[in-house]
N, C-alpha and C. Protein backbone atom coordinates (compact mmCIF):
# COMPACT_ATOMS: atom_id res chain seq x y z
N SER A 1 -8.92 12.52 -37.84
CA SER A 1 -8.11 13.74 -37.72
C SER A 1 -8.22 14.16 -36.28
N SER A 2 -7.30 14.95 -35.86
CA SER A 2 -7.27 15.42 -34.51
C SER A 2 -8.37 16.55 -34.22
N ASP A 3 -9.01 17.05 -35.34
CA ASP A 3 -10.02 17.94 -35.15
C ASP A 3 -11.39 17.30 -34.87
N ASP A 4 -11.46 16.08 -35.01
CA ASP A 4 -12.71 15.30 -34.69
C ASP A 4 -12.62 14.53 -33.42
N PRO A 5 -13.13 15.10 -32.30
CA PRO A 5 -13.12 14.53 -31.00
C PRO A 5 -13.66 13.05 -31.02
N HIS A 6 -14.71 12.83 -31.81
CA HIS A 6 -15.33 11.46 -31.86
C HIS A 6 -14.37 10.44 -32.42
N ALA A 7 -13.68 10.76 -33.44
CA ALA A 7 -12.75 9.93 -34.10
C ALA A 7 -11.56 9.61 -33.09
N VAL A 8 -11.05 10.63 -32.39
CA VAL A 8 -10.03 10.41 -31.49
C VAL A 8 -10.55 9.47 -30.34
N ASN A 9 -11.74 9.76 -29.78
CA ASN A 9 -12.23 8.88 -28.79
C ASN A 9 -12.40 7.43 -29.28
N GLN A 10 -12.88 7.14 -30.48
CA GLN A 10 -13.03 5.93 -31.01
C GLN A 10 -11.68 5.16 -31.00
N LYS A 11 -10.62 5.93 -31.50
CA LYS A 11 -9.31 5.36 -31.55
C LYS A 11 -8.78 5.01 -30.07
N ILE A 12 -9.08 5.84 -29.12
CA ILE A 12 -8.67 5.64 -27.81
C ILE A 12 -9.33 4.34 -27.22
N ASN A 13 -10.56 4.20 -27.53
CA ASN A 13 -11.35 3.01 -27.06
C ASN A 13 -10.82 1.68 -27.62
N VAL A 14 -10.33 1.74 -28.88
CA VAL A 14 -9.72 0.60 -29.58
C VAL A 14 -8.37 0.31 -28.95
N ILE A 15 -7.60 1.38 -28.60
CA ILE A 15 -6.27 1.12 -27.98
C ILE A 15 -6.51 0.60 -26.62
N LYS A 16 -7.38 1.23 -25.83
CA LYS A 16 -7.69 0.63 -24.44
C LYS A 16 -7.95 -0.83 -24.52
N GLU A 17 -8.87 -1.33 -25.44
CA GLU A 17 -9.27 -2.73 -25.51
C GLU A 17 -8.05 -3.57 -25.88
N ALA A 18 -7.22 -3.05 -26.78
CA ALA A 18 -6.03 -3.74 -27.15
C ALA A 18 -4.99 -3.87 -26.01
N LEU A 19 -4.89 -2.76 -25.21
CA LEU A 19 -3.98 -2.91 -24.13
C LEU A 19 -4.42 -3.80 -23.10
N LYS A 20 -5.74 -3.96 -22.84
CA LYS A 20 -6.40 -4.92 -21.92
C LYS A 20 -6.17 -6.42 -22.46
N ALA A 21 -6.31 -6.55 -23.74
CA ALA A 21 -6.18 -7.86 -24.27
C ALA A 21 -4.69 -8.28 -24.26
N VAL A 22 -3.74 -7.41 -24.49
CA VAL A 22 -2.30 -7.81 -24.38
C VAL A 22 -2.06 -8.28 -22.95
N TYR A 23 -2.51 -7.46 -22.03
CA TYR A 23 -2.31 -7.84 -20.53
C TYR A 23 -2.88 -9.20 -20.16
N GLN A 24 -4.05 -9.50 -20.72
CA GLN A 24 -4.81 -10.76 -20.45
C GLN A 24 -4.00 -11.89 -21.07
N ALA A 25 -3.41 -11.72 -22.28
CA ALA A 25 -2.74 -12.71 -22.92
C ALA A 25 -1.31 -12.96 -22.28
N ASP A 26 -0.69 -11.92 -21.85
CA ASP A 26 0.59 -12.04 -21.19
C ASP A 26 0.77 -10.82 -20.35
N ASN A 27 0.57 -11.10 -18.99
CA ASN A 27 0.69 -10.09 -18.06
C ASN A 27 2.12 -9.50 -17.78
N ALA A 28 3.04 -10.02 -18.47
CA ALA A 28 4.46 -9.49 -18.33
C ALA A 28 4.70 -8.41 -19.35
N THR A 29 3.95 -8.43 -20.45
CA THR A 29 4.31 -7.54 -21.56
C THR A 29 3.90 -6.09 -21.11
N ARG A 30 4.80 -5.10 -21.47
CA ARG A 30 4.57 -3.78 -21.22
C ARG A 30 4.63 -3.00 -22.58
N ILE A 31 3.77 -1.94 -22.59
CA ILE A 31 3.58 -1.16 -23.83
C ILE A 31 3.88 0.31 -23.55
N THR A 32 4.58 0.95 -24.66
CA THR A 32 4.72 2.37 -24.59
C THR A 32 3.64 2.95 -25.57
N LEU A 33 2.79 3.93 -25.14
CA LEU A 33 1.82 4.52 -25.94
C LEU A 33 2.30 5.87 -26.40
N TYR A 34 2.28 6.14 -27.63
CA TYR A 34 2.53 7.47 -28.29
C TYR A 34 1.25 7.80 -29.09
N LEU A 35 0.57 8.87 -28.57
CA LEU A 35 -0.75 9.31 -29.16
C LEU A 35 -0.48 10.92 -29.45
N PRO A 36 -0.12 11.08 -30.81
CA PRO A 36 0.46 12.44 -31.16
C PRO A 36 -0.75 13.44 -31.36
N ASP A 37 -1.96 12.99 -31.49
CA ASP A 37 -2.96 13.99 -31.85
C ASP A 37 -4.15 14.28 -30.96
N ALA A 38 -4.12 13.72 -29.70
CA ALA A 38 -5.14 13.91 -28.65
C ALA A 38 -4.88 15.06 -27.74
N THR A 39 -5.86 16.02 -27.82
CA THR A 39 -5.74 17.20 -27.04
C THR A 39 -6.48 17.08 -25.74
N LYS A 40 -7.50 16.12 -25.73
CA LYS A 40 -8.28 16.02 -24.51
C LYS A 40 -8.75 14.45 -24.37
N LEU A 41 -8.61 13.96 -23.24
CA LEU A 41 -9.06 12.55 -23.07
C LEU A 41 -10.23 12.65 -22.09
N GLU A 42 -11.10 11.80 -22.43
CA GLU A 42 -12.38 11.66 -21.65
C GLU A 42 -12.23 10.76 -20.37
N TYR A 43 -13.24 10.71 -19.56
CA TYR A 43 -13.28 9.91 -18.35
C TYR A 43 -12.76 8.55 -18.58
N GLY A 44 -11.84 8.18 -17.73
CA GLY A 44 -11.37 6.81 -17.71
C GLY A 44 -10.68 6.29 -18.98
N ALA A 45 -10.15 7.19 -19.88
CA ALA A 45 -9.64 6.89 -21.13
C ALA A 45 -8.69 5.54 -21.14
N PHE A 46 -7.86 5.44 -20.23
CA PHE A 46 -6.91 4.32 -20.06
C PHE A 46 -7.02 3.70 -18.71
N GLU A 47 -8.00 3.76 -18.07
CA GLU A 47 -8.22 3.28 -16.76
C GLU A 47 -8.03 1.76 -16.70
N GLY A 48 -7.22 1.37 -15.77
CA GLY A 48 -6.89 -0.10 -15.58
C GLY A 48 -6.11 -0.81 -16.72
N CYS A 49 -5.40 -0.05 -17.43
CA CYS A 49 -4.66 -0.58 -18.51
C CYS A 49 -3.29 -1.06 -17.93
N ASN A 50 -3.15 -2.20 -17.37
CA ASN A 50 -2.05 -2.69 -16.60
C ASN A 50 -0.75 -2.98 -17.60
N ALA A 51 -0.97 -3.09 -18.78
CA ALA A 51 0.10 -3.34 -19.73
C ALA A 51 0.84 -1.90 -20.12
N LEU A 52 0.31 -0.81 -19.81
CA LEU A 52 0.70 0.45 -20.25
C LEU A 52 1.96 0.83 -19.18
N ALA A 53 3.06 0.93 -19.82
CA ALA A 53 4.29 1.28 -18.98
C ALA A 53 4.69 2.81 -19.11
N ARG A 54 4.55 3.27 -20.42
CA ARG A 54 4.93 4.72 -20.61
C ARG A 54 3.84 5.24 -21.66
N ALA A 55 3.65 6.52 -21.43
CA ALA A 55 2.66 7.20 -22.23
C ALA A 55 3.25 8.66 -22.63
N SER A 56 3.22 8.88 -24.06
CA SER A 56 3.56 10.09 -24.48
C SER A 56 2.44 10.73 -25.34
N LEU A 57 1.94 11.83 -24.79
CA LEU A 57 0.78 12.55 -25.54
C LEU A 57 1.19 14.01 -25.59
N PRO A 58 1.91 14.36 -26.66
CA PRO A 58 2.58 15.66 -26.80
C PRO A 58 1.63 16.82 -26.83
N LEU A 59 0.41 16.65 -27.25
CA LEU A 59 -0.65 17.65 -27.54
C LEU A 59 -1.69 17.67 -26.42
N LEU A 60 -1.70 16.78 -25.50
CA LEU A 60 -2.75 16.67 -24.54
C LEU A 60 -2.68 17.86 -23.60
N GLU A 61 -3.98 18.49 -23.52
CA GLU A 61 -4.13 19.69 -22.64
C GLU A 61 -4.96 19.35 -21.45
N THR A 62 -5.91 18.38 -21.56
CA THR A 62 -6.90 18.06 -20.55
C THR A 62 -7.02 16.60 -20.40
N ALA A 63 -6.78 16.01 -19.23
CA ALA A 63 -6.95 14.63 -18.90
C ALA A 63 -8.19 14.54 -18.00
N GLY A 64 -9.18 13.84 -18.57
CA GLY A 64 -10.46 13.65 -17.83
C GLY A 64 -10.24 12.80 -16.53
N SER A 65 -11.29 12.72 -15.72
CA SER A 65 -11.17 12.10 -14.46
C SER A 65 -10.84 10.53 -14.80
N GLY A 66 -9.80 10.01 -13.96
CA GLY A 66 -9.45 8.80 -13.97
C GLY A 66 -8.78 8.23 -15.29
N THR A 67 -8.20 9.27 -16.09
CA THR A 67 -7.53 8.97 -17.30
C THR A 67 -6.60 7.70 -17.22
N PHE A 68 -5.69 7.67 -16.25
CA PHE A 68 -4.72 6.67 -16.12
C PHE A 68 -4.97 5.95 -14.77
N ASN A 69 -6.12 6.02 -14.22
CA ASN A 69 -6.50 5.41 -12.87
C ASN A 69 -6.18 3.98 -12.89
N GLY A 70 -5.48 3.56 -11.93
CA GLY A 70 -5.13 2.13 -11.71
C GLY A 70 -4.20 1.45 -12.74
N CYS A 71 -3.42 2.25 -13.43
CA CYS A 71 -2.49 1.76 -14.43
C CYS A 71 -1.31 1.46 -13.60
N ASN A 72 -1.27 0.26 -12.96
CA ASN A 72 -0.20 -0.08 -11.99
C ASN A 72 1.14 -0.37 -12.62
N SER A 73 1.24 -0.34 -13.92
CA SER A 73 2.59 -0.53 -14.56
C SER A 73 3.21 0.78 -15.16
N LEU A 74 2.48 1.81 -15.06
CA LEU A 74 2.87 2.96 -15.64
C LEU A 74 4.00 3.63 -14.79
N THR A 75 5.12 3.89 -15.42
CA THR A 75 6.28 4.36 -14.84
C THR A 75 6.64 5.78 -15.19
N ASP A 76 6.33 6.12 -16.44
CA ASP A 76 6.70 7.43 -17.05
C ASP A 76 5.56 7.98 -17.88
N VAL A 77 5.36 9.28 -17.79
CA VAL A 77 4.44 9.98 -18.65
C VAL A 77 5.08 11.24 -19.22
N SER A 78 4.85 11.53 -20.52
CA SER A 78 5.35 12.76 -21.09
C SER A 78 4.12 13.52 -21.60
N LEU A 79 3.66 14.59 -20.84
CA LEU A 79 2.50 15.31 -21.20
C LEU A 79 2.85 16.81 -21.11
N PRO A 80 3.68 17.24 -22.03
CA PRO A 80 4.29 18.59 -21.85
C PRO A 80 3.29 19.79 -22.01
N LEU A 81 2.17 19.61 -22.54
CA LEU A 81 1.06 20.67 -22.66
C LEU A 81 -0.03 20.50 -21.69
N LEU A 82 0.06 19.48 -20.92
CA LEU A 82 -1.18 19.19 -19.91
C LEU A 82 -1.40 20.37 -18.96
N THR A 83 -2.51 21.03 -19.00
CA THR A 83 -2.85 22.10 -18.08
C THR A 83 -3.82 21.74 -17.04
N THR A 84 -4.71 20.73 -17.40
CA THR A 84 -5.72 20.26 -16.39
C THR A 84 -5.83 18.83 -16.36
N ALA A 85 -5.60 18.28 -15.02
CA ALA A 85 -5.73 16.94 -14.69
C ALA A 85 -6.95 16.87 -13.85
N GLU A 86 -8.08 16.25 -14.29
CA GLU A 86 -9.24 16.14 -13.50
C GLU A 86 -9.03 14.97 -12.49
N SER A 87 -10.02 14.89 -11.53
CA SER A 87 -9.94 13.96 -10.47
C SER A 87 -9.43 12.54 -10.85
N ASN A 88 -8.51 12.03 -9.89
CA ASN A 88 -8.02 10.70 -10.03
C ASN A 88 -7.29 10.33 -11.23
N THR A 89 -6.70 11.38 -12.07
CA THR A 89 -6.02 11.10 -13.23
C THR A 89 -5.02 10.04 -13.24
N PHE A 90 -4.22 10.12 -12.09
CA PHE A 90 -3.17 9.07 -11.99
C PHE A 90 -3.33 8.19 -10.76
N ASN A 91 -4.50 8.24 -10.07
CA ASN A 91 -4.82 7.53 -8.90
C ASN A 91 -4.39 6.09 -9.10
N GLY A 92 -3.62 5.59 -8.06
CA GLY A 92 -3.33 4.20 -8.05
C GLY A 92 -2.30 3.77 -9.04
N CYS A 93 -1.50 4.66 -9.59
CA CYS A 93 -0.43 4.27 -10.51
C CYS A 93 0.80 4.04 -9.64
N THR A 94 0.81 2.83 -9.00
CA THR A 94 1.73 2.39 -8.05
C THR A 94 3.18 2.45 -8.44
N ASN A 95 3.53 2.38 -9.72
CA ASN A 95 4.88 2.37 -10.12
C ASN A 95 5.32 3.58 -10.76
N LEU A 96 4.57 4.65 -10.70
CA LEU A 96 4.89 5.94 -11.21
C LEU A 96 5.90 6.58 -10.19
N THR A 97 7.16 6.85 -10.77
CA THR A 97 8.13 7.27 -9.75
C THR A 97 8.46 8.82 -9.68
N SER A 98 8.26 9.45 -10.82
CA SER A 98 8.35 10.97 -10.77
C SER A 98 7.57 11.59 -11.72
N VAL A 99 7.13 12.85 -11.56
CA VAL A 99 6.19 13.53 -12.38
C VAL A 99 6.86 14.93 -12.64
N SER A 100 6.86 15.19 -13.96
CA SER A 100 7.23 16.66 -14.42
C SER A 100 6.19 17.03 -15.37
N LEU A 101 5.45 17.80 -15.08
CA LEU A 101 4.19 18.40 -15.89
C LEU A 101 4.37 19.91 -15.89
N PRO A 102 5.19 20.45 -16.83
CA PRO A 102 5.57 21.85 -16.87
C PRO A 102 4.46 22.80 -17.03
N LYS A 103 3.36 22.42 -17.49
CA LYS A 103 2.30 23.43 -17.81
C LYS A 103 1.00 23.23 -16.96
N LEU A 104 1.04 22.03 -16.10
CA LEU A 104 -0.14 21.82 -15.27
C LEU A 104 -0.52 22.93 -14.26
N THR A 105 -1.73 23.51 -14.34
CA THR A 105 -2.24 24.58 -13.55
C THR A 105 -3.30 23.98 -12.51
N THR A 106 -4.04 23.00 -12.85
CA THR A 106 -5.08 22.48 -12.05
C THR A 106 -5.05 21.01 -11.84
N ALA A 107 -4.91 20.60 -10.67
CA ALA A 107 -4.99 19.09 -10.31
C ALA A 107 -6.23 18.80 -9.55
N GLY A 108 -7.10 18.01 -10.10
CA GLY A 108 -8.37 17.69 -9.45
C GLY A 108 -8.08 16.77 -8.24
N GLY A 109 -9.22 16.49 -7.47
CA GLY A 109 -9.18 15.66 -6.31
C GLY A 109 -8.52 14.37 -6.64
N GLY A 110 -7.64 13.97 -5.73
CA GLY A 110 -6.91 12.67 -5.87
C GLY A 110 -6.06 12.36 -7.02
N THR A 111 -5.77 13.42 -7.75
CA THR A 111 -4.90 13.32 -8.97
C THR A 111 -3.76 12.29 -8.88
N PHE A 112 -3.02 12.28 -7.79
CA PHE A 112 -1.85 11.48 -7.62
C PHE A 112 -2.10 10.44 -6.38
N SER A 113 -3.21 10.49 -5.86
CA SER A 113 -3.41 9.55 -4.74
C SER A 113 -3.02 8.12 -4.90
N ASP A 114 -2.46 7.63 -3.92
CA ASP A 114 -1.98 6.19 -3.96
C ASP A 114 -0.92 5.88 -5.00
N CYS A 115 -0.14 6.95 -5.36
CA CYS A 115 0.98 6.75 -6.27
C CYS A 115 2.16 6.40 -5.32
N THR A 116 2.17 5.21 -4.86
CA THR A 116 3.14 4.79 -3.78
C THR A 116 4.58 4.78 -4.13
N SER A 117 4.92 4.87 -5.34
CA SER A 117 6.29 4.87 -5.78
C SER A 117 6.78 6.41 -6.05
N LEU A 118 5.83 7.20 -6.13
CA LEU A 118 6.31 8.56 -6.50
C LEU A 118 7.15 9.13 -5.44
N THR A 119 8.33 9.60 -5.84
CA THR A 119 9.37 10.16 -4.95
C THR A 119 9.44 11.68 -5.03
N SER A 120 9.24 12.25 -6.08
CA SER A 120 9.33 13.74 -6.22
C SER A 120 8.31 14.24 -7.24
N VAL A 121 7.87 15.45 -6.99
CA VAL A 121 7.03 16.16 -8.06
C VAL A 121 7.53 17.50 -8.23
N SER A 122 7.52 17.97 -9.48
CA SER A 122 7.98 19.28 -9.82
C SER A 122 6.80 19.81 -10.76
N LEU A 123 6.00 20.70 -10.13
CA LEU A 123 4.86 21.20 -10.94
C LEU A 123 4.85 22.82 -10.89
N PRO A 124 5.77 23.33 -11.88
CA PRO A 124 6.16 24.74 -11.70
C PRO A 124 4.86 25.74 -11.97
N LYS A 125 3.85 25.29 -12.58
CA LYS A 125 2.74 26.19 -12.94
C LYS A 125 1.52 25.87 -12.07
N LEU A 126 1.52 24.74 -11.24
CA LEU A 126 0.28 24.36 -10.57
C LEU A 126 -0.26 25.50 -9.62
N GLU A 127 -1.35 25.88 -9.76
CA GLU A 127 -2.03 26.89 -8.93
C GLU A 127 -3.00 26.30 -7.99
N THR A 128 -3.76 25.23 -8.39
CA THR A 128 -4.79 24.75 -7.56
C THR A 128 -4.67 23.26 -7.58
N ALA A 129 -4.59 22.66 -6.31
CA ALA A 129 -4.65 21.27 -6.01
C ALA A 129 -5.79 21.02 -5.14
N GLU A 130 -6.81 20.19 -5.75
CA GLU A 130 -7.96 19.89 -4.99
C GLU A 130 -7.66 18.85 -3.93
N GLY A 131 -8.64 18.52 -3.14
CA GLY A 131 -8.49 17.54 -2.03
C GLY A 131 -7.85 16.33 -2.37
N TYR A 132 -6.95 15.81 -1.52
CA TYR A 132 -6.33 14.50 -1.59
C TYR A 132 -5.41 14.27 -2.85
N THR A 133 -4.93 15.36 -3.35
CA THR A 133 -4.08 15.35 -4.55
C THR A 133 -2.98 14.43 -4.50
N PHE A 134 -2.31 14.40 -3.39
CA PHE A 134 -1.15 13.47 -3.12
C PHE A 134 -1.35 12.47 -2.02
N TYR A 135 -2.54 12.26 -1.70
CA TYR A 135 -2.93 11.40 -0.58
C TYR A 135 -2.26 9.95 -0.73
N ASN A 136 -1.63 9.65 0.39
CA ASN A 136 -0.95 8.24 0.56
C ASN A 136 0.07 7.94 -0.54
N CYS A 137 0.81 8.99 -0.90
CA CYS A 137 2.00 8.95 -1.65
C CYS A 137 3.10 8.71 -0.60
N THR A 138 3.17 7.50 -0.19
CA THR A 138 4.03 7.20 1.04
C THR A 138 5.55 7.24 0.79
N ASN A 139 6.02 7.32 -0.54
CA ASN A 139 7.49 7.54 -0.78
C ASN A 139 7.77 8.86 -1.23
N LEU A 140 6.80 9.75 -1.31
CA LEU A 140 7.06 11.15 -1.70
C LEU A 140 7.95 11.91 -0.80
N THR A 141 9.10 12.24 -1.23
CA THR A 141 10.09 13.03 -0.33
C THR A 141 10.00 14.49 -0.60
N SER A 142 9.79 14.90 -1.78
CA SER A 142 9.93 16.31 -2.20
C SER A 142 8.85 16.67 -3.12
N ALA A 143 8.29 17.92 -2.91
CA ALA A 143 7.26 18.56 -3.68
C ALA A 143 7.60 19.95 -3.85
N THR A 144 7.74 20.36 -5.20
CA THR A 144 8.14 21.71 -5.53
C THR A 144 7.01 22.32 -6.33
N LEU A 145 6.23 23.15 -5.70
CA LEU A 145 4.99 23.76 -6.22
C LEU A 145 5.11 25.20 -6.11
N PRO A 146 5.81 25.99 -6.84
CA PRO A 146 6.21 27.35 -6.60
C PRO A 146 5.03 28.22 -6.65
N LYS A 147 3.93 27.89 -7.61
CA LYS A 147 2.86 28.80 -7.76
C LYS A 147 1.58 28.27 -7.22
N LEU A 148 1.61 27.26 -6.41
CA LEU A 148 0.44 26.79 -5.64
C LEU A 148 -0.19 27.78 -4.78
N GLU A 149 -1.44 28.16 -5.09
CA GLU A 149 -2.16 29.11 -4.24
C GLU A 149 -3.19 28.52 -3.33
N THR A 150 -3.84 27.42 -3.86
CA THR A 150 -4.98 26.71 -3.11
C THR A 150 -4.61 25.29 -3.09
N ALA A 151 -4.65 24.77 -1.79
CA ALA A 151 -4.51 23.33 -1.62
C ALA A 151 -5.78 22.84 -0.87
N GLY A 152 -6.43 21.81 -1.44
CA GLY A 152 -7.60 21.26 -0.91
C GLY A 152 -7.31 20.37 0.31
N ARG A 153 -8.45 19.96 0.90
CA ARG A 153 -8.38 19.08 2.13
C ARG A 153 -7.38 17.94 1.85
N SER A 154 -6.60 17.60 2.92
CA SER A 154 -5.76 16.40 2.89
C SER A 154 -4.90 16.31 1.61
N THR A 155 -4.36 17.39 1.14
CA THR A 155 -3.60 17.32 -0.08
C THR A 155 -2.38 16.44 0.12
N PHE A 156 -1.72 16.54 1.26
CA PHE A 156 -0.55 15.64 1.53
C PHE A 156 -0.67 14.76 2.65
N SER A 157 -1.91 14.32 2.95
CA SER A 157 -2.20 13.26 3.95
C SER A 157 -1.47 11.93 3.65
N ASP A 158 -0.96 11.40 4.74
CA ASP A 158 -0.39 10.01 4.62
C ASP A 158 0.90 10.06 3.70
N CYS A 159 1.52 11.25 3.55
CA CYS A 159 2.83 11.20 2.77
C CYS A 159 3.83 11.13 3.83
N SER A 160 4.06 9.94 4.32
CA SER A 160 4.89 9.77 5.50
C SER A 160 6.31 9.99 5.29
N SER A 161 6.79 10.01 4.04
CA SER A 161 8.29 10.28 3.78
C SER A 161 8.62 11.75 3.30
N LEU A 162 7.55 12.60 3.24
CA LEU A 162 7.84 13.99 2.86
C LEU A 162 8.67 14.74 3.74
N THR A 163 9.74 15.22 3.14
CA THR A 163 10.71 16.08 3.96
C THR A 163 10.95 17.43 3.36
N SER A 164 10.56 17.64 2.17
CA SER A 164 10.79 18.98 1.60
C SER A 164 9.60 19.39 0.74
N VAL A 165 8.95 20.55 1.14
CA VAL A 165 7.82 21.08 0.38
C VAL A 165 8.14 22.48 0.13
N THR A 166 7.98 22.90 -1.15
CA THR A 166 8.13 24.32 -1.48
C THR A 166 6.86 24.88 -2.04
N LEU A 167 6.17 25.80 -1.25
CA LEU A 167 4.90 26.37 -1.50
C LEU A 167 4.97 27.89 -1.23
N PRO A 168 5.64 28.70 -1.89
CA PRO A 168 5.91 30.11 -1.60
C PRO A 168 4.60 30.98 -1.76
N LYS A 169 3.67 30.49 -2.61
CA LYS A 169 2.57 31.30 -2.95
C LYS A 169 1.32 30.92 -2.25
N LEU A 170 1.40 29.88 -1.42
CA LEU A 170 0.15 29.19 -0.85
C LEU A 170 -0.69 30.26 -0.12
N GLU A 171 -1.87 30.40 -0.49
CA GLU A 171 -2.86 31.36 0.21
C GLU A 171 -3.91 30.70 0.96
N THR A 172 -4.38 29.65 0.45
CA THR A 172 -5.55 28.90 1.06
C THR A 172 -5.18 27.32 1.18
N ALA A 173 -5.24 26.93 2.43
CA ALA A 173 -5.02 25.46 2.66
C ALA A 173 -6.21 24.94 3.55
N GLU A 174 -6.91 24.10 2.93
CA GLU A 174 -8.12 23.47 3.66
C GLU A 174 -7.50 22.46 4.68
N GLY A 175 -8.45 22.08 5.65
CA GLY A 175 -8.07 21.17 6.76
C GLY A 175 -7.05 20.06 6.36
N TYR A 176 -6.23 19.72 7.30
CA TYR A 176 -5.30 18.48 7.14
C TYR A 176 -4.37 18.55 5.92
N THR A 177 -4.11 19.67 5.44
CA THR A 177 -3.16 19.74 4.12
C THR A 177 -1.89 19.16 4.45
């Protein structure tokens, strides 16, 4: 049941192992994940699952550190209730092209770092972006963050294609933002 975090975590571990086994058997296969009952994912839940192409988690509110870290086939995520993405949630998701997380308020350090295919972000509720949030997103051209108040160190470092940034509420920007 979704009320039992242990049961959900056990299910996630089984899914993660299955995704890795599929990739080892046939590295061209891509999987779409639909996980309707998870509200929180623990550290590294799907880290390194290279067969994962799409993920839909309609009730997810918190993504632990490294949840999708290194999922280099991930192109699309649907996380409509996500409010907190801990550090490195999407780090190294090199095929993720756009992100729309309508409820996200907090992005931990390196949340989207090295997402080299990311071209645009729209995070209408984001208030805090910790250090290196978009570091090395070399194809990022547009960032719309209307509620962002705090940007950590090097938030947009090495975003060499960035041409449009909307940050009307920004109050605190640490070095090299």
